PDB file of N, CA and C in Angstrom:
ATOM      1  N   MET A   1     131.642 139.020  83.625  1.00  0.00           N
ATOM      2  CA  MET A   1     130.624 139.837  84.233  1.00  0.00           C
ATOM      3  C   MET A   1     129.293 139.102  84.128  1.00  0.00           C
ATOM      4  N   ALA A   2     128.489 139.190  85.161  1.00  0.00           N
ATOM      5  CA  ALA A   2     127.187 138.519  85.208  1.00  0.00           C
ATOM      6  C   ALA A   2     126.080 139.572  85.149  1.00  0.00           C
ATOM      7  N   THR A   3     124.882 139.115  84.809  1.00  0.00           N
ATOM      8  CA  THR A   3     123.721 139.992  84.767  1.00  0.00           C
ATOM      9  C   THR A   3     122.754 139.560  85.852  1.00  0.00           C
ATOM     10  N   PHE A   4     122.285 140.538  86.629  1.00  0.00           N
ATOM     11  CA  PHE A   4     121.375 140.279  87.731  1.00  0.00           C
ATOM     12  C   PHE A   4     120.091 141.069  87.533  1.00  0.00           C
ATOM     13  N   LEU A   5     118.969 140.454  87.882  1.00  0.00           N
ATOM     14  CA  LEU A   5     117.663 141.097  87.849  1.00  0.00           C
ATOM     15  C   LEU A   5     117.186 141.234  89.282  1.00  0.00           C
ATOM     16  N   LEU A   6     116.923 142.452  89.711  1.00  0.00           N
ATOM     17  CA  LEU A   6     116.399 142.706  91.041  1.00  0.00           C
ATOM     18  C   LEU A   6     114.963 143.183  90.900  1.00  0.00           C
ATOM     19  N   GLN A   7     114.046 142.504  91.568  1.00  0.00           N
ATOM     20  CA  GLN A   7     112.668 142.966  91.626  1.00  0.00           C
ATOM     21  C   GLN A   7     112.571 143.866  92.854  1.00  0.00           C
ATOM     22  N   LEU A   8     112.197 145.102  92.628  1.00  0.00           N
ATOM     23  CA  LEU A   8     112.196 146.092  93.695  1.00  0.00           C
ATOM     24  C   LEU A   8     110.802 146.250  94.287  1.00  0.00           C
ATOM     25  N   ALA A   9     110.749 146.543  95.574  1.00  0.00           N
ATOM     26  CA  ALA A   9     109.493 146.685  96.293  1.00  0.00           C
ATOM     27  C   ALA A   9     108.634 147.813  95.732  1.00  0.00           C
ATOM     28  N   GLU A  10     109.251 148.791  95.093  1.00  0.00           N
ATOM     29  CA  GLU A  10     108.499 149.923  94.536  1.00  0.00           C
ATOM     30  C   GLU A  10     107.756 149.563  93.257  1.00  0.00           C
ATOM     31  N   GLY A  11     107.914 148.301  92.788  1.00  0.00           N
ATOM     32  CA  GLY A  11     107.152 147.840  91.638  1.00  0.00           C
ATOM     33  C   GLY A  11     107.875 147.843  90.311  1.00  0.00           C
ATOM     34  N   ARG A  12     109.158 148.119  90.304  1.00  0.00           N
ATOM     35  CA  ARG A  12     109.910 148.073  89.036  1.00  0.00           C
ATOM     36  C   ARG A  12     111.054 147.072  89.184  1.00  0.00           C
ATOM     37  N   ASP A  13     111.653 146.726  88.056  1.00  0.00           N
ATOM     38  CA  ASP A  13     112.798 145.821  88.034  1.00  0.00           C
ATOM     39  C   ASP A  13     114.057 146.589  87.672  1.00  0.00           C
ATOM     40  N   ALA A  14     115.190 146.113  88.168  1.00  0.00           N
ATOM     41  CA  ALA A  14     116.486 146.686  87.809  1.00  0.00           C
ATOM     42  C   ALA A  14     117.347 145.557  87.253  1.00  0.00           C
ATOM     43  N   VAL A  15     117.890 145.741  86.063  1.00  0.00           N
ATOM     44  CA  VAL A  15     118.818 144.783  85.464  1.00  0.00           C
ATOM     45  C   VAL A  15     120.200 145.416  85.539  1.00  0.00           C
ATOM     46  N   ILE A  16     121.125 144.716  86.223  1.00  0.00           N
ATOM     47  CA  ILE A  16     122.435 145.290  86.512  1.00  0.00           C
ATOM     48  C   ILE A  16     123.525 144.281  86.173  1.00  0.00           C
ATOM     49  N   GLU A  17     124.593 144.755  85.527  1.00  0.00           N
ATOM     50  CA  GLU A  17     125.764 143.922  85.280  1.00  0.00           C
ATOM     51  C   GLU A  17     126.783 144.171  86.379  1.00  0.00           C
ATOM     52  N   ALA A  18     127.253 143.086  86.976  1.00  0.00           N
ATOM     53  CA  ALA A  18     128.244 143.171  88.048  1.00  0.00           C
ATOM     54  C   ALA A  18     129.021 141.861  88.075  1.00  0.00           C
ATOM     55  N   ASP A  19     130.175 141.881  88.700  1.00  0.00           N
ATOM     56  CA  ASP A  19     130.966 140.661  88.842  1.00  0.00           C
ATOM     57  C   ASP A  19     130.453 139.796  89.987  1.00  0.00           C
ATOM     58  N   VAL A  20     129.924 140.444  91.020  1.00  0.00           N
ATOM     59  CA  VAL A  20     129.500 139.742  92.234  1.00  0.00           C
ATOM     60  C   VAL A  20     128.208 140.371  92.740  1.00  0.00           C
ATOM     61  N   ALA A  21     127.298 139.525  93.215  1.00  0.00           N
ATOM     62  CA  ALA A  21     126.115 139.998  93.933  1.00  0.00           C
ATOM     63  C   ALA A  21     126.023 139.193  95.215  1.00  0.00           C
ATOM     64  N   GLY A  22     125.460 139.795  96.234  1.00  0.00           N
ATOM     65  CA  GLY A  22     125.328 139.070  97.485  1.00  0.00           C
ATOM     66  C   GLY A  22     124.279 139.673  98.384  1.00  0.00           C
ATOM     67  N   ARG A  23     123.921 138.883  99.406  1.00  0.00           N
ATOM     68  CA  ARG A  23     123.025 139.362 100.450  1.00  0.00           C
ATOM     69  C   ARG A  23     123.808 139.276 101.752  1.00  0.00           C
ATOM     70  N   THR A  24     123.894 140.384 102.461  1.00  0.00           N
ATOM     71  CA  THR A  24     124.652 140.432 103.711  1.00  0.00           C
ATOM     72  C   THR A  24     123.840 139.835 104.853  1.00  0.00           C
ATOM     73  N   ASP A  25     124.468 139.662 106.000  1.00  0.00           N
ATOM     74  CA  ASP A  25     123.768 139.174 107.185  1.00  0.00           C
ATOM     75  C   ASP A  25     122.610 140.095 107.563  1.00  0.00           C
ATOM     76  N   ALA A  26     122.746 141.380 107.273  1.00  0.00           N
ATOM     77  CA  ALA A  26     121.689 142.350 107.578  1.00  0.00           C
ATOM     78  C   ALA A  26     120.571 142.338 106.534  1.00  0.00           C
ATOM     79  N   GLY A  27     120.726 141.555 105.448  1.00  0.00           N
ATOM     80  CA  GLY A  27     119.707 141.460 104.419  1.00  0.00           C
ATOM     81  C   GLY A  27     119.886 142.418 103.261  1.00  0.00           C
ATOM     82  N   GLU A  28     120.904 143.275 103.308  1.00  0.00           N
ATOM     83  CA  GLU A  28     121.151 144.186 102.194  1.00  0.00           C
ATOM     84  C   GLU A  28     121.625 143.396 100.975  1.00  0.00           C
ATOM     85  N   VAL A  29     121.213 143.838  99.791  1.00  0.00           N
ATOM     86  CA  VAL A  29     121.692 143.248  98.546  1.00  0.00           C
ATOM     87  C   VAL A  29     122.772 144.181  98.006  1.00  0.00           C
ATOM     88  N   VAL A  30     123.954 143.616  97.761  1.00  0.00           N
ATOM     89  CA  VAL A  30     125.078 144.413  97.285  1.00  0.00           C
ATOM     90  C   VAL A  30     125.534 143.893  95.926  1.00  0.00           C
ATOM     91  N   LEU A  31     125.979 144.807  95.074  1.00  0.00           N
ATOM     92  CA  LEU A  31     126.522 144.473  93.761  1.00  0.00           C
ATOM     93  C   LEU A  31     127.904 145.079  93.680  1.00  0.00           C
ATOM     94  N   GLU A  32     128.882 144.268  93.236  1.00  0.00           N
ATOM     95  CA  GLU A  32     130.270 144.709  93.212  1.00  0.00           C
ATOM     96  C   GLU A  32     130.923 144.398  91.879  1.00  0.00           C
ATOM     97  N   ARG A  33     131.933 145.165  91.567  1.00  0.00           N
ATOM     98  CA  ARG A  33     132.785 144.948  90.399  1.00  0.00           C
ATOM     99  C   ARG A  33     134.183 144.661  90.927  1.00  0.00           C
ATOM    100  N   VAL A  34     134.903 143.756  90.265  1.00  0.00           N
ATOM    101  CA  VAL A  34     136.259 143.394  90.666  1.00  0.00           C
ATOM    102  C   VAL A  34     137.230 143.919  89.620  1.00  0.00           C
ATOM    103  N   ASP A  35     138.268 144.656  90.074  1.00  0.00           N
ATOM    104  CA  ASP A  35     139.232 145.198  89.120  1.00  0.00           C
ATOM    105  C   ASP A  35     140.288 144.149  88.772  1.00  0.00           C
ATOM    106  N   ASP A  36     141.235 144.510  87.921  1.00  0.00           N
ATOM    107  CA  ASP A  36     142.257 143.575  87.450  1.00  0.00           C
ATOM    108  C   ASP A  36     143.166 143.063  88.566  1.00  0.00           C
ATOM    109  N   LEU A  37     143.225 143.785  89.677  1.00  0.00           N
ATOM    110  CA  LEU A  37     144.055 143.368  90.811  1.00  0.00           C
ATOM    111  C   LEU A  37     143.263 142.568  91.841  1.00  0.00           C
ATOM    112  N   GLY A  38     141.979 142.284  91.547  1.00  0.00           N
ATOM    113  CA  GLY A  38     141.154 141.502  92.451  1.00  0.00           C
ATOM    114  C   GLY A  38     140.491 142.300  93.559  1.00  0.00           C
ATOM    115  N   ARG A  39     140.580 143.624  93.481  1.00  0.00           N
ATOM    116  CA  ARG A  39     139.944 144.475  94.496  1.00  0.00           C
ATOM    117  C   ARG A  39     138.484 144.706  94.129  1.00  0.00           C
ATOM    118  N   CYS A  40     137.610 144.577  95.126  1.00  0.00           N
ATOM    119  CA  CYS A  40     136.176 144.783  94.913  1.00  0.00           C
ATOM    120  C   CYS A  40     135.807 146.247  95.097  1.00  0.00           C
ATOM    121  N   GLU A  41     134.946 146.724  94.210  1.00  0.00           N
ATOM    122  CA  GLU A  41     134.392 148.067  94.305  1.00  0.00           C
ATOM    123  C   GLU A  41     132.876 147.920  94.325  1.00  0.00           C
ATOM    124  N   ARG A  42     132.245 148.445  95.349  1.00  0.00           N
ATOM    125  CA  ARG A  42     130.797 148.335  95.471  1.00  0.00           C
ATOM    126  C   ARG A  42     130.128 149.281  94.477  1.00  0.00           C
ATOM    127  N   LEU A  43     129.266 148.708  93.633  1.00  0.00           N
ATOM    128  CA  LEU A  43     128.525 149.503  92.656  1.00  0.00           C
ATOM    129  C   LEU A  43     127.250 150.068  93.259  1.00  0.00           C
ATOM    130  N   HIS A  44     126.559 149.235  94.043  1.00  0.00           N
ATOM    131  CA  HIS A  44     125.285 149.659  94.604  1.00  0.00           C
ATOM    132  C   HIS A  44     124.928 148.782  95.787  1.00  0.00           C
ATOM    133  N   THR A  45     124.249 149.369  96.764  1.00  0.00           N
ATOM    134  CA  THR A  45     123.716 148.647  97.911  1.00  0.00           C
ATOM    135  C   THR A  45     122.227 148.952  97.999  1.00  0.00           C
ATOM    136  N   TYR A  46     121.416 147.902  98.120  1.00  0.00           N
ATOM    137  CA  TYR A  46     119.970 148.058  98.282  1.00  0.00           C
ATOM    138  C   TYR A  46     119.586 147.616  99.685  1.00  0.00           C
ATOM    139  N   ARG A  47     118.778 148.412 100.374  1.00  0.00           N
ATOM    140  CA  ARG A  47     118.288 148.031 101.694  1.00  0.00           C
ATOM    141  C   ARG A  47     117.459 146.757 101.582  1.00  0.00           C
ATOM    142  N   ALA A  48     117.436 145.973 102.641  1.00  0.00           N
ATOM    143  CA  ALA A  48     116.727 144.690 102.649  1.00  0.00           C
ATOM    144  C   ALA A  48     115.267 144.843 102.220  1.00  0.00           C
ATOM    145  N   GLU A  49     114.589 145.864 102.718  1.00  0.00           N
ATOM    146  CA  GLU A  49     113.167 146.038 102.418  1.00  0.00           C
ATOM    147  C   GLU A  49     112.914 146.585 101.008  1.00  0.00           C
ATOM    148  N   ALA A  50     113.954 146.995 100.300  1.00  0.00           N
ATOM    149  CA  ALA A  50     113.797 147.566  98.964  1.00  0.00           C
ATOM    150  C   ALA A  50     113.770 146.509  97.864  1.00  0.00           C
ATOM    151  N   VAL A  51     114.214 145.270  98.169  1.00  0.00           N
ATOM    152  CA  VAL A  51     114.331 144.212  97.158  1.00  0.00           C
ATOM    153  C   VAL A  51     113.441 143.034  97.542  1.00  0.00           C
ATOM    154  N   THR A  52     112.584 142.618  96.601  1.00  0.00           N
ATOM    155  CA  THR A  52     111.708 141.478  96.884  1.00  0.00           C
ATOM    156  C   THR A  52     112.259 140.166  96.331  1.00  0.00           C
ATOM    157  N   ALA A  53     113.110 140.221  95.293  1.00  0.00           N
ATOM    158  CA  ALA A  53     113.701 139.007  94.725  1.00  0.00           C
ATOM    159  C   ALA A  53     114.931 139.373  93.901  1.00  0.00           C
ATOM    160  N   VAL A  54     115.879 138.414  93.831  1.00  0.00           N
ATOM    161  CA  VAL A  54     117.103 138.581  93.037  1.00  0.00           C
ATOM    162  C   VAL A  54     117.255 137.352  92.145  1.00  0.00           C
ATOM    163  N   PHE A  55     117.589 137.578  90.880  1.00  0.00           N
ATOM    164  CA  PHE A  55     117.812 136.507  89.921  1.00  0.00           C
ATOM    165  C   PHE A  55     119.153 136.742  89.222  1.00  0.00           C
ATOM    166  N   ARG A  56     119.805 135.643  88.832  1.00  0.00           N
ATOM    167  CA  ARG A  56     121.052 135.711  88.065  1.00  0.00           C
ATOM    168  C   ARG A  56     120.808 135.065  86.710  1.00  0.00           C
ATOM    169  N   ARG A  57     121.226 135.725  85.655  1.00  0.00           N
ATOM    170  CA  ARG A  57     121.087 135.148  84.309  1.00  0.00           C
ATOM    171  C   ARG A  57     122.176 134.102  84.136  1.00  0.00           C
ATOM    172  N   ALA A  58     121.749 132.873  83.784  1.00  0.00           N
ATOM    173  CA  ALA A  58     122.695 131.765  83.704  1.00  0.00           C
ATOM    174  C   ALA A  58     122.152 130.682  82.772  1.00  0.00           C
ATOM    175  N   PRO A  59     123.041 129.769  82.329  1.00  0.00           N
ATOM    176  CA  PRO A  59     122.579 128.644  81.510  1.00  0.00           C
ATOM    177  C   PRO A  59     121.574 127.791  82.288  1.00  0.00           C
ATOM    178  N   VAL A  60     120.575 127.297  81.584  1.00  0.00           N
ATOM    179  CA  VAL A  60     119.562 126.442  82.205  1.00  0.00           C
ATOM    180  C   VAL A  60     119.565 125.075  81.528  1.00  0.00           C
ATOM    181  N   ASP A  61     118.984 124.108  82.189  1.00  0.00           N
ATOM    182  CA  ASP A  61     118.879 122.758  81.626  1.00  0.00           C
ATOM    183  C   ASP A  61     118.165 122.815  80.284  1.00  0.00           C
ATOM    184  N   GLY A  62     118.656 122.075  79.325  1.00  0.00           N
ATOM    185  CA  GLY A  62     118.058 122.039  78.003  1.00  0.00           C
ATOM    186  C   GLY A  62     118.605 123.097  77.056  1.00  0.00           C
ATOM    187  N   GLY A  63     119.564 123.878  77.521  1.00  0.00           N
ATOM    188  CA  GLY A  63     120.165 124.900  76.668  1.00  0.00           C
ATOM    189  C   GLY A  63     119.530 126.258  76.860  1.00  0.00           C
ATOM    190  N   GLY A  64     120.213 127.246  76.386  1.00  0.00           N
ATOM    191  CA  GLY A  64     119.734 128.612  76.519  1.00  0.00           C
ATOM    192  C   GLY A  64     120.049 129.207  77.884  1.00  0.00           C
ATOM    193  N   TYR A  65     119.519 130.396  78.099  1.00  0.00           N
ATOM    194  CA  TYR A  65     119.738 131.121  79.355  1.00  0.00           C
ATOM    195  C   TYR A  65     118.403 131.449  79.985  1.00  0.00           C
ATOM    196  N   GLY A  66     118.422 131.581  81.296  1.00  0.00           N
ATOM    197  CA  GLY A  66     117.223 131.964  82.025  1.00  0.00           C
ATOM    198  C   GLY A  66     117.606 132.685  83.300  1.00  0.00           C
ATOM    199  N   TRP A  67     116.605 133.094  84.052  1.00  0.00           N
ATOM    200  CA  TRP A  67     116.828 133.803  85.318  1.00  0.00           C
ATOM    201  C   TRP A  67     116.731 132.815  86.468  1.00  0.00           C
ATOM    202  N   LEU A  68     117.838 132.570  87.141  1.00  0.00           N
ATOM    203  CA  LEU A  68     117.874 131.653  88.280  1.00  0.00           C
ATOM    204  C   LEU A  68     117.674 132.436  89.577  1.00  0.00           C
ATOM    205  N   PRO A  69     116.665 132.059  90.368  1.00  0.00           N
ATOM    206  CA  PRO A  69     116.421 132.788  91.611  1.00  0.00           C
ATOM    207  C   PRO A  69     117.530 132.557  92.631  1.00  0.00           C
ATOM    208  N   GLN A  70     117.846 133.604  93.372  1.00  0.00           N
ATOM    209  CA  GLN A  70     118.803 133.515  94.470  1.00  0.00           C
ATOM    210  C   GLN A  70     118.000 133.382  95.771  1.00  0.00           C
ATOM    211  N   PRO A  71     118.621 132.857  96.833  1.00  0.00           N
ATOM    212  CA  PRO A  71     117.870 132.665  98.088  1.00  0.00           C
ATOM    213  C   PRO A  71     117.232 133.964  98.582  1.00  0.00           C
ATOM    214  N   ALA A  72     116.019 133.835  99.108  1.00  0.00           N
ATOM    215  CA  ALA A  72     115.259 135.001  99.570  1.00  0.00           C
ATOM    216  C   ALA A  72     115.695 135.467 100.962  1.00  0.00           C
ATOM    217  N   ASP A  73     116.469 134.645 101.661  1.00  0.00           N
ATOM    218  CA  ASP A  73     116.915 135.055 102.984  1.00  0.00           C
ATOM    219  C   ASP A  73     118.280 134.436 103.272  1.00  0.00           C
ATOM    220  N   GLY A  74     118.880 134.837 104.374  1.00  0.00           N
ATOM    221  CA  GLY A  74     120.217 134.371 104.709  1.00  0.00           C
ATOM    222  C   GLY A  74     121.251 135.095 103.878  1.00  0.00           C
ATOM    223  N   SER A  75     122.500 134.931 104.230  1.00  0.00           N
ATOM    224  CA  SER A  75     123.568 135.583 103.459  1.00  0.00           C
ATOM    225  C   SER A  75     124.047 134.664 102.352  1.00  0.00           C
ATOM    226  N   TRP A  76     124.440 135.239 101.209  1.00  0.00           N
ATOM    227  CA  TRP A  76     124.935 134.471 100.072  1.00  0.00           C
ATOM    228  C   TRP A  76     125.727 135.393  99.157  1.00  0.00           C
ATOM    229  N   TRP A  77     126.548 134.787  98.330  1.00  0.00           N
ATOM    230  CA  TRP A  77     127.302 135.496  97.274  1.00  0.00           C
ATOM    231  C   TRP A  77     127.203 134.674  96.011  1.00  0.00           C
ATOM    232  N   CYS A  78     127.059 135.320  94.864  1.00  0.00           N
ATOM    233  CA  CYS A  78     127.104 134.598  93.590  1.00  0.00           C
ATOM    234  C   CYS A  78     127.937 135.399  92.615  1.00  0.00           C
ATOM    235  N   TYR A  79     128.593 134.685  91.706  1.00  0.00           N
ATOM    236  CA  TYR A  79     129.557 135.269  90.781  1.00  0.00           C
ATOM    237  C   TYR A  79     129.155 134.970  89.355  1.00  0.00           C
TER     238      TYR A  79
END
């Protein structure tokens, strides 16, 4: 499971644990969990205008963990 930080347009941050995060062609940010059989279950969908930035907590150069920014536009998936 990965940890994602979403900066929301309303001025607060949301920290969410999910197996998968992505941005759809329409710009929506989706967070999903994968069950033992590999089936995805959508945990939450954020409208494109509701999210200003997405970060994934991951190892960084030099050791330790940090927040890695995800692309601000276009479609993408990260695990």
